[in-house]
Amino acid sequence: MNIEVTMRHSDVRIEALNEYAQKRMQQLAERFPKVTKVSLVIDIDVKKHMYMAEVVANRLGATAVGAKEFSESAKSVIDSAAARAERQLLKMRIKSRKGVVRKQRAASAKN
């Protein structure tokens, strides 16, 4: 499992924020074991005092799931982007399981 955290447009690398982001992305990876790579980009706009977080999660055999959030608080933007990515991954998991069930039903109906 590969977790990548990048902070852009900031001269100061906030170590506590980086550790928090790593921990939150690790929770996402533990909940969804088929996720192979999680990339988090935190963009800081100093003039507007806004944070932007973008989460991209790659699954085995599937395309990437992306979530982008804006907020004035750094931790809340990480949490909300991770929550949105979790919802998308959960929806993807449910859809893939429904497809397996449909294939099994079709195979059993033919026999």
PDB file of N, CA and C in Angstrom:
ATOM      1  N   MET A   1       0.847  -1.176   0.000  1.00  0.00           N
ATOM      2  CA  MET A   1       0.000   0.000   0.000  1.00  0.00           C
ATOM      3  C   MET A   1       0.886   1.231   0.000  1.00  0.00           C
ATOM      4  N   ASN A   2       0.668   2.096  -0.954  1.00  0.00           N
ATOM      5  CA  ASN A   2       1.475   3.283  -1.129  1.00  0.00           C
ATOM      6  C   ASN A   2       0.634   4.510  -0.804  1.00  0.00           C
ATOM      7  N   ILE A   3       1.095   5.318   0.151  1.00  0.00           N
ATOM      8  CA  ILE A   3       0.402   6.557   0.531  1.00  0.00           C
ATOM      9  C   ILE A   3       1.346   7.718   0.247  1.00  0.00           C
ATOM     10  N   GLU A   4       0.828   8.687  -0.500  1.00  0.00           N
ATOM     11  CA  GLU A   4       1.634   9.840  -0.887  1.00  0.00           C
ATOM     12  C   GLU A   4       0.900  11.114  -0.474  1.00  0.00           C
ATOM     13  N   VAL A   5       1.551  11.959   0.320  1.00  0.00           N
ATOM     14  CA  VAL A   5       0.973  13.232   0.758  1.00  0.00           C
ATOM     15  C   VAL A   5       1.852  14.345   0.228  1.00  0.00           C
ATOM     16  N   THR A   6       1.226  15.281  -0.502  1.00  0.00           N
ATOM     17  CA  THR A   6       1.950  16.397  -1.092  1.00  0.00           C
ATOM     18  C   THR A   6       1.302  17.698  -0.646  1.00  0.00           C
ATOM     19  N   MET A   7       2.130  18.661  -0.240  1.00  0.00           N
ATOM     20  CA  MET A   7       1.627  19.990   0.127  1.00  0.00           C
ATOM     21  C   MET A   7       2.188  20.986  -0.876  1.00  0.00           C
ATOM     22  N   ARG A   8       1.279  21.758  -1.489  1.00  0.00           N
ATOM     23  CA  ARG A   8       1.695  22.713  -2.509  1.00  0.00           C
ATOM     24  C   ARG A   8       1.473  24.140  -2.030  1.00  0.00           C
ATOM     25  N   HIS A   9       2.236  25.042  -2.585  1.00  0.00           N
ATOM     26  CA  HIS A   9       2.131  26.481  -2.356  1.00  0.00           C
ATOM     27  C   HIS A   9       2.308  26.838  -0.888  1.00  0.00           C
ATOM     28  N   SER A  10       3.203  26.152  -0.239  1.00  0.00           N
ATOM     29  CA  SER A  10       3.491  26.456   1.151  1.00  0.00           C
ATOM     30  C   SER A  10       4.994  26.373   1.354  1.00  0.00           C
ATOM     31  N   ASP A  11       5.560  27.424   1.942  1.00  0.00           N
ATOM     32  CA  ASP A  11       6.982  27.406   2.241  1.00  0.00           C
ATOM     33  C   ASP A  11       7.267  26.542   3.470  1.00  0.00           C
ATOM     34  N   VAL A  12       6.315  26.509   4.376  1.00  0.00           N
ATOM     35  CA  VAL A  12       6.475  25.760   5.615  1.00  0.00           C
ATOM     36  C   VAL A  12       5.807  24.400   5.457  1.00  0.00           C
ATOM     37  N   ARG A  13       6.546  23.343   5.706  1.00  0.00           N
ATOM     38  CA  ARG A  13       5.996  21.991   5.684  1.00  0.00           C
ATOM     39  C   ARG A  13       5.523  21.680   7.097  1.00  0.00           C
ATOM     40  N   ILE A  14       4.240  21.650   7.288  1.00  0.00           N
ATOM     41  CA  ILE A  14       3.670  21.420   8.611  1.00  0.00           C
ATOM     42  C   ILE A  14       3.703  19.924   8.885  1.00  0.00           C
ATOM     43  N   GLU A  15       4.588  19.531   9.783  1.00  0.00           N
ATOM     44  CA  GLU A  15       4.803  18.106  10.057  1.00  0.00           C
ATOM     45  C   GLU A  15       3.589  17.477  10.727  1.00  0.00           C
ATOM     46  N   ALA A  16       2.931  18.202  11.626  1.00  0.00           N
ATOM     47  CA  ALA A  16       1.756  17.647  12.303  1.00  0.00           C
ATOM     48  C   ALA A  16       0.620  17.400  11.313  1.00  0.00           C
ATOM     49  N   LEU A  17       0.447  18.297  10.368  1.00  0.00           N
ATOM     50  CA  LEU A  17      -0.585  18.130   9.346  1.00  0.00           C
ATOM     51  C   LEU A  17      -0.259  16.953   8.430  1.00  0.00           C
ATOM     52  N   ASN A  18       1.002  16.787   8.116  1.00  0.00           N
ATOM     53  CA  ASN A  18       1.434  15.670   7.280  1.00  0.00           C
ATOM     54  C   ASN A  18       1.184  14.341   8.003  1.00  0.00           C
ATOM     55  N   GLU A  19       1.484  14.271   9.287  1.00  0.00           N
ATOM     56  CA  GLU A  19       1.246  13.051  10.065  1.00  0.00           C
ATOM     57  C   GLU A  19      -0.246  12.742  10.152  1.00  0.00           C
ATOM     58  N   TYR A  20      -1.069  13.789  10.352  1.00  0.00           N
ATOM     59  CA  TYR A  20      -2.515  13.599  10.418  1.00  0.00           C
ATOM     60  C   TYR A  20      -3.053  13.058   9.094  1.00  0.00           C
ATOM     61  N   ALA A  21      -2.561  13.611   7.997  1.00  0.00           N
ATOM     62  CA  ALA A  21      -3.003  13.164   6.674  1.00  0.00           C
ATOM     63  C   ALA A  21      -2.580  11.718   6.427  1.00  0.00           C
ATOM     64  N   GLN A  22      -1.359  11.365   6.816  1.00  0.00           N
ATOM     65  CA  GLN A  22      -0.896   9.985   6.655  1.00  0.00           C
ATOM     66  C   GLN A  22      -1.782   9.023   7.440  1.00  0.00           C
ATOM     67  N   LYS A  23      -2.118   9.398   8.676  1.00  0.00           N
ATOM     68  CA  LYS A  23      -2.946   8.544   9.529  1.00  0.00           C
ATOM     69  C   LYS A  23      -4.350   8.378   8.944  1.00  0.00           C
ATOM     70  N   ARG A  24      -4.914   9.462   8.434  1.00  0.00           N
ATOM     71  CA  ARG A  24      -6.274   9.412   7.866  1.00  0.00           C
ATOM     72  C   ARG A  24      -6.306   8.579   6.589  1.00  0.00           C
ATOM     73  N   MET A  25      -5.295   8.697   5.752  1.00  0.00           N
ATOM     74  CA  MET A  25      -5.242   7.907   4.525  1.00  0.00           C
ATOM     75  C   MET A  25      -4.975   6.429   4.836  1.00  0.00           C
ATOM     76  N   GLN A  26      -4.240   6.165   5.921  1.00  0.00           N
ATOM     77  CA  GLN A  26      -4.016   4.783   6.336  1.00  0.00           C
ATOM     78  C   GLN A  26      -5.335   4.143   6.771  1.00  0.00           C
ATOM     79  N   GLN A  27      -6.197   4.904   7.446  1.00  0.00           N
ATOM     80  CA  GLN A  27      -7.524   4.403   7.835  1.00  0.00           C
ATOM     81  C   GLN A  27      -8.343   4.067   6.595  1.00  0.00           C
ATOM     82  N   LEU A  28      -8.271   4.909   5.590  1.00  0.00           N
ATOM     83  CA  LEU A  28      -8.981   4.653   4.335  1.00  0.00           C
ATOM     84  C   LEU A  28      -8.472   3.375   3.681  1.00  0.00           C
ATOM     85  N   ALA A  29      -7.159   3.193   3.692  1.00  0.00           N
ATOM     86  CA  ALA A  29      -6.564   2.002   3.082  1.00  0.00           C
ATOM     87  C   ALA A  29      -6.909   0.733   3.853  1.00  0.00           C
ATOM     88  N   GLU A  30      -7.006   0.821   5.176  1.00  0.00           N
ATOM     89  CA  GLU A  30      -7.368  -0.347   5.975  1.00  0.00           C
ATOM     90  C   GLU A  30      -8.819  -0.748   5.750  1.00  0.00           C
ATOM     91  N   ARG A  31      -9.685   0.222   5.553  1.00  0.00           N
ATOM     92  CA  ARG A  31     -11.100  -0.077   5.340  1.00  0.00           C
ATOM     93  C   ARG A  31     -11.343  -0.708   3.965  1.00  0.00           C
ATOM     94  N   PHE A  32     -10.537  -0.332   2.991  1.00  0.00           N
ATOM     95  CA  PHE A  32     -10.670  -0.851   1.636  1.00  0.00           C
ATOM     96  C   PHE A  32      -9.349  -1.527   1.248  1.00  0.00           C
ATOM     97  N   PRO A  33      -9.233  -2.828   1.472  1.00  0.00           N
ATOM     98  CA  PRO A  33      -7.954  -3.501   1.238  1.00  0.00           C
ATOM     99  C   PRO A  33      -7.538  -3.613  -0.231  1.00  0.00           C
ATOM    100  N   LYS A  34      -8.457  -3.441  -1.172  1.00  0.00           N
ATOM    101  CA  LYS A  34      -8.102  -3.530  -2.588  1.00  0.00           C
ATOM    102  C   LYS A  34      -7.495  -2.237  -3.117  1.00  0.00           C
ATOM    103  N   VAL A  35      -7.438  -1.208  -2.291  1.00  0.00           N
ATOM    104  CA  VAL A  35      -6.827   0.052  -2.711  1.00  0.00           C
ATOM    105  C   VAL A  35      -5.315  -0.129  -2.688  1.00  0.00           C
ATOM    106  N   THR A  36      -4.683   0.144  -3.820  1.00  0.00           N
ATOM    107  CA  THR A  36      -3.243  -0.064  -3.938  1.00  0.00           C
ATOM    108  C   THR A  36      -2.439   1.206  -3.706  1.00  0.00           C
ATOM    109  N   LYS A  37      -3.024   2.362  -4.042  1.00  0.00           N
ATOM    110  CA  LYS A  37      -2.297   3.620  -3.892  1.00  0.00           C
ATOM    111  C   LYS A  37      -3.271   4.730  -3.537  1.00  0.00           C
ATOM    112  N   VAL A  38      -2.877   5.558  -2.566  1.00  0.00           N
ATOM    113  CA  VAL A  38      -3.673   6.726  -2.196  1.00  0.00           C
ATOM    114  C   VAL A  38      -2.762   7.942  -2.303  1.00  0.00           C
ATOM    115  N   SER A  39      -3.235   8.935  -3.022  1.00  0.00           N
ATOM    116  CA  SER A  39      -2.483  10.168  -3.200  1.00  0.00           C
ATOM    117  C   SER A  39      -3.319  11.332  -2.677  1.00  0.00           C
ATOM    118  N   LEU A  40      -2.741  12.132  -1.789  1.00  0.00           N
ATOM    119  CA  LEU A  40      -3.424  13.292  -1.216  1.00  0.00           C
ATOM    120  C   LEU A  40      -2.602  14.529  -1.532  1.00  0.00           C
ATOM    121  N   VAL A  41      -3.244  15.516  -2.146  1.00  0.00           N
ATOM    122  CA  VAL A  41      -2.589  16.784  -2.457  1.00  0.00           C
ATOM    123  C   VAL A  41      -3.304  17.872  -1.669  1.00  0.00           C
ATOM    124  N   ILE A  42      -2.553  18.572  -0.826  1.00  0.00           N
ATOM    125  CA  ILE A  42      -3.105  19.681  -0.037  1.00  0.00           C
ATOM    126  C   ILE A  42      -2.552  20.967  -0.634  1.00  0.00           C
ATOM    127  N   ASP A  43      -3.448  21.812  -1.101  1.00  0.00           N
ATOM    128  CA  ASP A  43      -3.074  23.071  -1.726  1.00  0.00           C
ATOM    129  C   ASP A  43      -3.494  24.195  -0.788  1.00  0.00           C
ATOM    130  N   ILE A  44      -2.575  25.108  -0.493  1.00  0.00           N
ATOM    131  CA  ILE A  44      -2.834  26.179   0.452  1.00  0.00           C
ATOM    132  C   ILE A  44      -2.874  27.498  -0.298  1.00  0.00           C
ATOM    133  N   ASP A  45      -4.004  28.218  -0.168  1.00  0.00           N
ATOM    134  CA  ASP A  45      -4.138  29.545  -0.760  1.00  0.00           C
ATOM    135  C   ASP A  45      -4.012  30.558   0.379  1.00  0.00           C
ATOM    136  N   VAL A  46      -2.863  31.197   0.478  1.00  0.00           N
ATOM    137  CA  VAL A  46      -2.566  32.080   1.595  1.00  0.00           C
ATOM    138  C   VAL A  46      -3.421  33.343   1.552  1.00  0.00           C
ATOM    139  N   LYS A  47      -3.681  33.865   0.357  1.00  0.00           N
ATOM    140  CA  LYS A  47      -4.429  35.114   0.246  1.00  0.00           C
ATOM    141  C   LYS A  47      -5.878  34.962   0.688  1.00  0.00           C
ATOM    142  N   LYS A  48      -6.497  33.844   0.339  1.00  0.00           N
ATOM    143  CA  LYS A  48      -7.904  33.619   0.685  1.00  0.00           C
ATOM    144  C   LYS A  48      -8.067  32.829   1.982  1.00  0.00           C
ATOM    145  N   HIS A  49      -6.976  32.366   2.566  1.00  0.00           N
ATOM    146  CA  HIS A  49      -6.992  31.548   3.774  1.00  0.00           C
ATOM    147  C   HIS A  49      -7.858  30.302   3.580  1.00  0.00           C
ATOM    148  N   MET A  50      -7.631  29.634   2.452  1.00  0.00           N
ATOM    149  CA  MET A  50      -8.393  28.431   2.116  1.00  0.00           C
ATOM    150  C   MET A  50      -7.440  27.264   1.879  1.00  0.00           C
ATOM    151  N   TYR A  51      -7.948  26.081   2.181  1.00  0.00           N
ATOM    152  CA  TYR A  51      -7.223  24.847   1.907  1.00  0.00           C
ATOM    153  C   TYR A  51      -8.025  24.034   0.904  1.00  0.00           C
ATOM    154  N   MET A  52      -7.321  23.350   0.012  1.00  0.00           N
ATOM    155  CA  MET A  52      -7.950  22.452  -0.935  1.00  0.00           C
ATOM    156  C   MET A  52      -7.263  21.107  -0.792  1.00  0.00           C
ATOM    157  N   ALA A  53      -8.064  20.041  -0.664  1.00  0.00           N
ATOM    158  CA  ALA A  53      -7.506  18.702  -0.585  1.00  0.00           C
ATOM    159  C   ALA A  53      -8.098  17.861  -1.699  1.00  0.00           C
ATOM    160  N   GLU A  54      -7.240  17.116  -2.353  1.00  0.00           N
ATOM    161  CA  GLU A  54      -7.672  16.233  -3.428  1.00  0.00           C
ATOM    162  C   GLU A  54      -7.140  14.836  -3.137  1.00  0.00           C
ATOM    163  N   VAL A  55      -8.053  13.871  -3.063  1.00  0.00           N
ATOM    164  CA  VAL A  55      -7.703  12.487  -2.790  1.00  0.00           C
ATOM    165  C   VAL A  55      -7.922  11.677  -4.055  1.00  0.00           C
ATOM    166  N   VAL A  56      -6.915  10.901  -4.450  1.00  0.00           N
ATOM    167  CA  VAL A  56      -7.036   9.988  -5.577  1.00  0.00           C
ATOM    168  C   VAL A  56      -6.646   8.606  -5.059  1.00  0.00           C
ATOM    169  N   ALA A  57      -7.591   7.667  -5.163  1.00  0.00           N
ATOM    170  CA  ALA A  57      -7.354   6.298  -4.696  1.00  0.00           C
ATOM    171  C   ALA A  57      -7.440   5.349  -5.881  1.00  0.00           C
ATOM    172  N   ASN A  58      -6.430   4.532  -6.063  1.00  0.00           N
ATOM    173  CA  ASN A  58      -6.398   3.544  -7.137  1.00  0.00           C
ATOM    174  C   ASN A  58      -6.727   2.178  -6.563  1.00  0.00           C
ATOM    175  N   ARG A  59      -7.660   1.481  -7.213  1.00  0.00           N
ATOM    176  CA  ARG A  59      -8.048   0.134  -6.804  1.00  0.00           C
ATOM    177  C   ARG A  59      -7.483  -0.883  -7.779  1.00  0.00           C
ATOM    178  N   LEU A  60      -7.410  -2.130  -7.314  1.00  0.00           N
ATOM    179  CA  LEU A  60      -7.014  -3.225  -8.197  1.00  0.00           C
ATOM    180  C   LEU A  60      -8.076  -3.418  -9.268  1.00  0.00           C
ATOM    181  N   GLY A  61      -7.682  -3.393 -10.501  1.00  0.00           N
ATOM    182  CA  GLY A  61      -8.601  -3.664 -11.589  1.00  0.00           C
ATOM    183  C   GLY A  61      -9.671  -2.616 -11.807  1.00  0.00           C
ATOM    184  N   ALA A  62      -9.487  -1.423 -11.295  1.00  0.00           N
ATOM    185  CA  ALA A  62     -10.495  -0.372 -11.479  1.00  0.00           C
ATOM    186  C   ALA A  62      -9.789   0.960 -11.685  1.00  0.00           C
ATOM    187  N   THR A  63     -10.550   1.919 -12.125  1.00  0.00           N
ATOM    188  CA  THR A  63      -9.997   3.245 -12.327  1.00  0.00           C
ATOM    189  C   THR A  63      -9.874   3.965 -10.999  1.00  0.00           C
ATOM    190  N   ALA A  64      -9.256   5.120 -11.037  1.00  0.00           N
ATOM    191  CA  ALA A  64      -9.031   5.893  -9.825  1.00  0.00           C
ATOM    192  C   ALA A  64     -10.315   6.565  -9.360  1.00  0.00           C
ATOM    193  N   VAL A  65     -10.407   6.743  -8.055  1.00  0.00           N
ATOM    194  CA  VAL A  65     -11.507   7.471  -7.434  1.00  0.00           C
ATOM    195  C   VAL A  65     -10.940   8.794  -6.950  1.00  0.00           C
ATOM    196  N   GLY A  66     -11.586   9.879  -7.310  1.00  0.00           N
ATOM    197  CA  GLY A  66     -11.083  11.190  -6.931  1.00  0.00           C
ATOM    198  C   GLY A  66     -12.095  11.982  -6.142  1.00  0.00           C
ATOM    199  N   ALA A  67     -11.611  12.766  -5.187  1.00  0.00           N
ATOM    200  CA  ALA A  67     -12.479  13.621  -4.383  1.00  0.00           C
ATOM    201  C   ALA A  67     -11.733  14.919  -4.109  1.00  0.00           C
ATOM    202  N   LYS A  68     -12.412  16.046  -4.265  1.00  0.00           N
ATOM    203  CA  LYS A  68     -11.804  17.349  -4.049  1.00  0.00           C
ATOM    204  C   LYS A  68     -12.696  18.160  -3.118  1.00  0.00           C
ATOM    205  N   GLU A  69     -12.093  18.771  -2.101  1.00  0.00           N
ATOM    206  CA  GLU A  69     -12.840  19.554  -1.117  1.00  0.00           C
ATOM    207  C   GLU A  69     -12.108  20.853  -0.830  1.00  0.00           C
ATOM    208  N   PHE A  70     -12.873  21.878  -0.417  1.00  0.00           N
ATOM    209  CA  PHE A  70     -12.339  23.182  -0.021  1.00  0.00           C
ATOM    210  C   PHE A  70     -12.835  23.521   1.372  1.00  0.00           C
ATOM    211  N   SER A  71     -11.981  24.143   2.198  1.00  0.00           N
ATOM    212  CA  SER A  71     -12.391  24.559   3.536  1.00  0.00           C
ATOM    213  C   SER A  71     -11.360  25.546   4.088  1.00  0.00           C
ATOM    214  N   GLU A  72     -11.725  26.178   5.197  1.00  0.00           N
ATOM    215  CA  GLU A  72     -10.812  27.108   5.851  1.00  0.00           C
ATOM    216  C   GLU A  72      -9.929  26.411   6.874  1.00  0.00           C
ATOM    217  N   SER A  73     -10.278  25.197   7.260  1.00  0.00           N
ATOM    218  CA  SER A  73      -9.509  24.436   8.228  1.00  0.00           C
ATOM    219  C   SER A  73      -8.804  23.273   7.532  1.00  0.00           C
ATOM    220  N   ALA A  74      -7.549  23.069   7.863  1.00  0.00           N
ATOM    221  CA  ALA A  74      -6.767  22.042   7.188  1.00  0.00           C
ATOM    222  C   ALA A  74      -7.250  20.639   7.535  1.00  0.00           C
ATOM    223  N   LYS A  75      -7.508  20.373   8.807  1.00  0.00           N
ATOM    224  CA  LYS A  75      -7.934  19.036   9.206  1.00  0.00           C
ATOM    225  C   LYS A  75      -9.327  18.709   8.685  1.00  0.00           C
ATOM    226  N   SER A  76     -10.212  19.691   8.661  1.00  0.00           N
ATOM    227  CA  SER A  76     -11.564  19.419   8.175  1.00  0.00           C
ATOM    228  C   SER A  76     -11.571  19.154   6.676  1.00  0.00           C
ATOM    229  N   VAL A  77     -10.691  19.803   5.928  1.00  0.00           N
ATOM    230  CA  VAL A  77     -10.644  19.559   4.488  1.00  0.00           C
ATOM    231  C   VAL A  77     -10.093  18.159   4.209  1.00  0.00           C
ATOM    232  N   ILE A  78      -9.155  17.689   5.017  1.00  0.00           N
ATOM    233  CA  ILE A  78      -8.630  16.327   4.861  1.00  0.00           C
ATOM    234  C   ILE A  78      -9.718  15.316   5.194  1.00  0.00           C
ATOM    235  N   ASP A  79     -10.436  15.554   6.291  1.00  0.00           N
ATOM    236  CA  ASP A  79     -11.503  14.634   6.693  1.00  0.00           C
ATOM    237  C   ASP A  79     -12.628  14.572   5.670  1.00  0.00           C
ATOM    238  N   SER A  80     -13.050  15.715   5.171  1.00  0.00           N
ATOM    239  CA  SER A  80     -14.161  15.719   4.223  1.00  0.00           C
ATOM    240  C   SER A  80     -13.770  15.096   2.886  1.00  0.00           C
ATOM    241  N   ALA A  81     -12.549  15.327   2.431  1.00  0.00           N
ATOM    242  CA  ALA A  81     -12.103  14.700   1.171  1.00  0.00           C
ATOM    243  C   ALA A  81     -11.965  13.189   1.341  1.00  0.00           C
ATOM    244  N   ALA A  82     -11.470  12.755   2.496  1.00  0.00           N
ATOM    245  CA  ALA A  82     -11.349  11.319   2.756  1.00  0.00           C
ATOM    246  C   ALA A  82     -12.723  10.674   2.869  1.00  0.00           C
ATOM    247  N   ALA A  83     -13.669  11.364   3.499  1.00  0.00           N
ATOM    248  CA  ALA A  83     -15.028  10.832   3.628  1.00  0.00           C
ATOM    249  C   ALA A  83     -15.695  10.699   2.262  1.00  0.00           C
ATOM    250  N   ARG A  84     -15.479  11.668   1.402  1.00  0.00           N
ATOM    251  CA  ARG A  84     -16.055  11.599   0.059  1.00  0.00           C
ATOM    252  C   ARG A  84     -15.435  10.454  -0.742  1.00  0.00           C
ATOM    253  N   ALA A  85     -14.132  10.271  -0.615  1.00  0.00           N
ATOM    254  CA  ALA A  85     -13.473   9.159  -1.301  1.00  0.00           C
ATOM    255  C   ALA A  85     -13.973   7.819  -0.752  1.00  0.00           C
ATOM    256  N   GLU A  86     -14.206   7.728   0.572  1.00  0.00           N
ATOM    257  CA  GLU A  86     -14.744   6.504   1.165  1.00  0.00           C
ATOM    258  C   GLU A  86     -16.125   6.184   0.608  1.00  0.00           C
ATOM    259  N   ARG A  87     -16.971   7.204   0.476  1.00  0.00           N
ATOM    260  CA  ARG A  87     -18.310   6.982  -0.082  1.00  0.00           C
ATOM    261  C   ARG A  87     -18.222   6.476  -1.511  1.00  0.00           C
ATOM    262  N   GLN A  88     -17.318   7.047  -2.305  1.00  0.00           N
ATOM    263  CA  GLN A  88     -17.170   6.615  -3.686  1.00  0.00           C
ATOM    264  C   GLN A  88     -16.621   5.191  -3.773  1.00  0.00           C
ATOM    265  N   LEU A  89     -15.666   4.860  -2.907  1.00  0.00           N
ATOM    266  CA  LEU A  89     -15.125   3.506  -2.900  1.00  0.00           C
ATOM    267  C   LEU A  89     -16.163   2.492  -2.446  1.00  0.00           C
ATOM    268  N   LEU A  90     -16.988   2.875  -1.480  1.00  0.00           N
ATOM    269  CA  LEU A  90     -18.050   1.989  -1.010  1.00  0.00           C
ATOM    270  C   LEU A  90     -19.069   1.748  -2.119  1.00  0.00           C
ATOM    271  N   LYS A  91     -19.417   2.799  -2.846  1.00  0.00           N
ATOM    272  CA  LYS A  91     -20.346   2.664  -3.964  1.00  0.00           C
ATOM    273  C   LYS A  91     -19.755   1.763  -5.048  1.00  0.00           C
ATOM    274  N   MET A  92     -18.450   1.908  -5.301  1.00  0.00           N
ATOM    275  CA  MET A  92     -17.790   1.073  -6.290  1.00  0.00           C
ATOM    276  C   MET A  92     -17.769  -0.388  -5.845  1.00  0.00           C
ATOM    277  N   ARG A  93     -17.550  -0.613  -4.544  1.00  0.00           N
ATOM    278  CA  ARG A  93     -17.541  -1.971  -4.005  1.00  0.00           C
ATOM    279  C   ARG A  93     -18.918  -2.618  -4.137  1.00  0.00           C
ATOM    280  N   ILE A  94     -19.970  -1.877  -3.835  1.00  0.00           N
ATOM    281  CA  ILE A  94     -21.337  -2.404  -3.925  1.00  0.00           C
ATOM    282  C   ILE A  94     -21.681  -2.733  -5.372  1.00  0.00           C
ATOM    283  N   LYS A  95     -21.320  -1.864  -6.300  1.00  0.00           N
ATOM    284  CA  LYS A  95     -21.603  -2.118  -7.712  1.00  0.00           C
ATOM    285  C   LYS A  95     -20.867  -3.349  -8.221  1.00  0.00           C
ATOM    286  N   SER A  96     -19.627  -3.525  -7.791  1.00  0.00           N
ATOM    287  CA  SER A  96     -18.878  -4.691  -8.255  1.00  0.00           C
ATOM    288  C   SER A  96     -19.456  -5.975  -7.674  1.00  0.00           C
ATOM    289  N   ARG A  97     -19.930  -5.945  -6.443  1.00  0.00           N
ATOM    290  CA  ARG A  97     -20.545  -7.131  -5.843  1.00  0.00           C
ATOM    291  C   ARG A  97     -21.878  -7.456  -6.503  1.00  0.00           C
ATOM    292  N   LYS A  98     -22.641  -6.453  -6.877  1.00  0.00           N
ATOM    293  CA  LYS A  98     -23.907  -6.703  -7.574  1.00  0.00           C
ATOM    294  C   LYS A  98     -23.644  -7.372  -8.913  1.00  0.00           C
ATOM    295  N   GLY A  99     -22.584  -6.968  -9.585  1.00  0.00           N
ATOM    296  CA  GLY A  99     -22.238  -7.583 -10.858  1.00  0.00           C
ATOM    297  C   GLY A  99     -21.887  -9.050 -10.704  1.00  0.00           C
ATOM    298  N   VAL A 100     -21.209  -9.404  -9.626  1.00  0.00           N
ATOM    299  CA  VAL A 100     -20.852 -10.794  -9.366  1.00  0.00           C
ATOM    300  C   VAL A 100     -22.107 -11.605  -9.084  1.00  0.00           C
ATOM    301  N   VAL A 101     -23.028 -11.050  -8.310  1.00  0.00           N
ATOM    302  CA  VAL A 101     -24.276 -11.746  -7.986  1.00  0.00           C
ATOM    303  C   VAL A 101     -25.100 -11.972  -9.243  1.00  0.00           C
ATOM    304  N   ARG A 102     -25.152 -10.962 -10.120  1.00  0.00           N
ATOM    305  CA  ARG A 102     -25.903 -11.112 -11.370  1.00  0.00           C
ATOM    306  C   ARG A 102     -25.309 -12.214 -12.242  1.00  0.00           C
ATOM    307  N   LYS A 103     -23.995 -12.277 -12.317  1.00  0.00           N
ATOM    308  CA  LYS A 103     -23.353 -13.327 -13.111  1.00  0.00           C
ATOM    309  C   LYS A 103     -23.630 -14.705 -12.533  1.00  0.00           C
ATOM    310  N   GLN A 104     -23.625 -14.827 -11.199  1.00  0.00           N
ATOM    311  CA  GLN A 104     -23.909 -16.116 -10.564  1.00  0.00           C
ATOM    312  C   GLN A 104     -25.361 -16.543 -10.796  1.00  0.00           C
ATOM    313  N   ARG A 105     -26.277 -15.586 -10.714  1.00  0.00           N
ATOM    314  CA  ARG A 105     -27.689 -15.908 -10.953  1.00  0.00           C
ATOM    315  C   ARG A 105     -27.916 -16.332 -12.409  1.00  0.00           C
ATOM    316  N   ALA A 106     -27.266 -15.637 -13.321  1.00  0.00           N
ATOM    317  CA  ALA A 106     -27.427 -15.987 -14.740  1.00  0.00           C
ATOM    318  C   ALA A 106     -26.852 -17.370 -15.018  1.00  0.00           C
ATOM    319  N   ALA A 107     -25.740 -17.701 -14.394  1.00  0.00           N
ATOM    320  CA  ALA A 107     -25.123 -19.014 -14.593  1.00  0.00           C
ATOM    321  C   ALA A 107     -25.984 -20.122 -13.985  1.00  0.00           C
ATOM    322  N   SER A 108     -26.590 -19.862 -12.829  1.00  0.00           N
ATOM    323  CA  SER A 108     -27.406 -20.889 -12.189  1.00  0.00           C
ATOM    324  C   SER A 108     -28.744 -21.064 -12.918  1.00  0.00           C
ATOM    325  N   ALA A 109     -29.260 -20.030 -13.560  1.00  0.00           N
ATOM    326  CA  ALA A 109     -30.523 -20.124 -14.289  1.00  0.00           C
ATOM    327  C   ALA A 109     -30.353 -20.962 -15.552  1.00  0.00           C
ATOM    328  N   LYS A 110     -29.174 -20.932 -16.135  1.00  0.00           N
ATOM    329  CA  LYS A 110     -28.922 -21.709 -17.355  1.00  0.00           C
ATOM    330  C   LYS A 110     -28.784 -23.194 -17.046  1.00  0.00           C
ATOM    331  N   ASN A 111     -28.310 -23.520 -15.873  1.00  0.00           N
ATOM    332  CA  ASN A 111     -28.088 -24.934 -15.504  1.00  0.00           C
ATOM    333  C   ASN A 111     -29.324 -25.559 -15.031  1.00  0.00           C
TER     334      ASN A 111
END
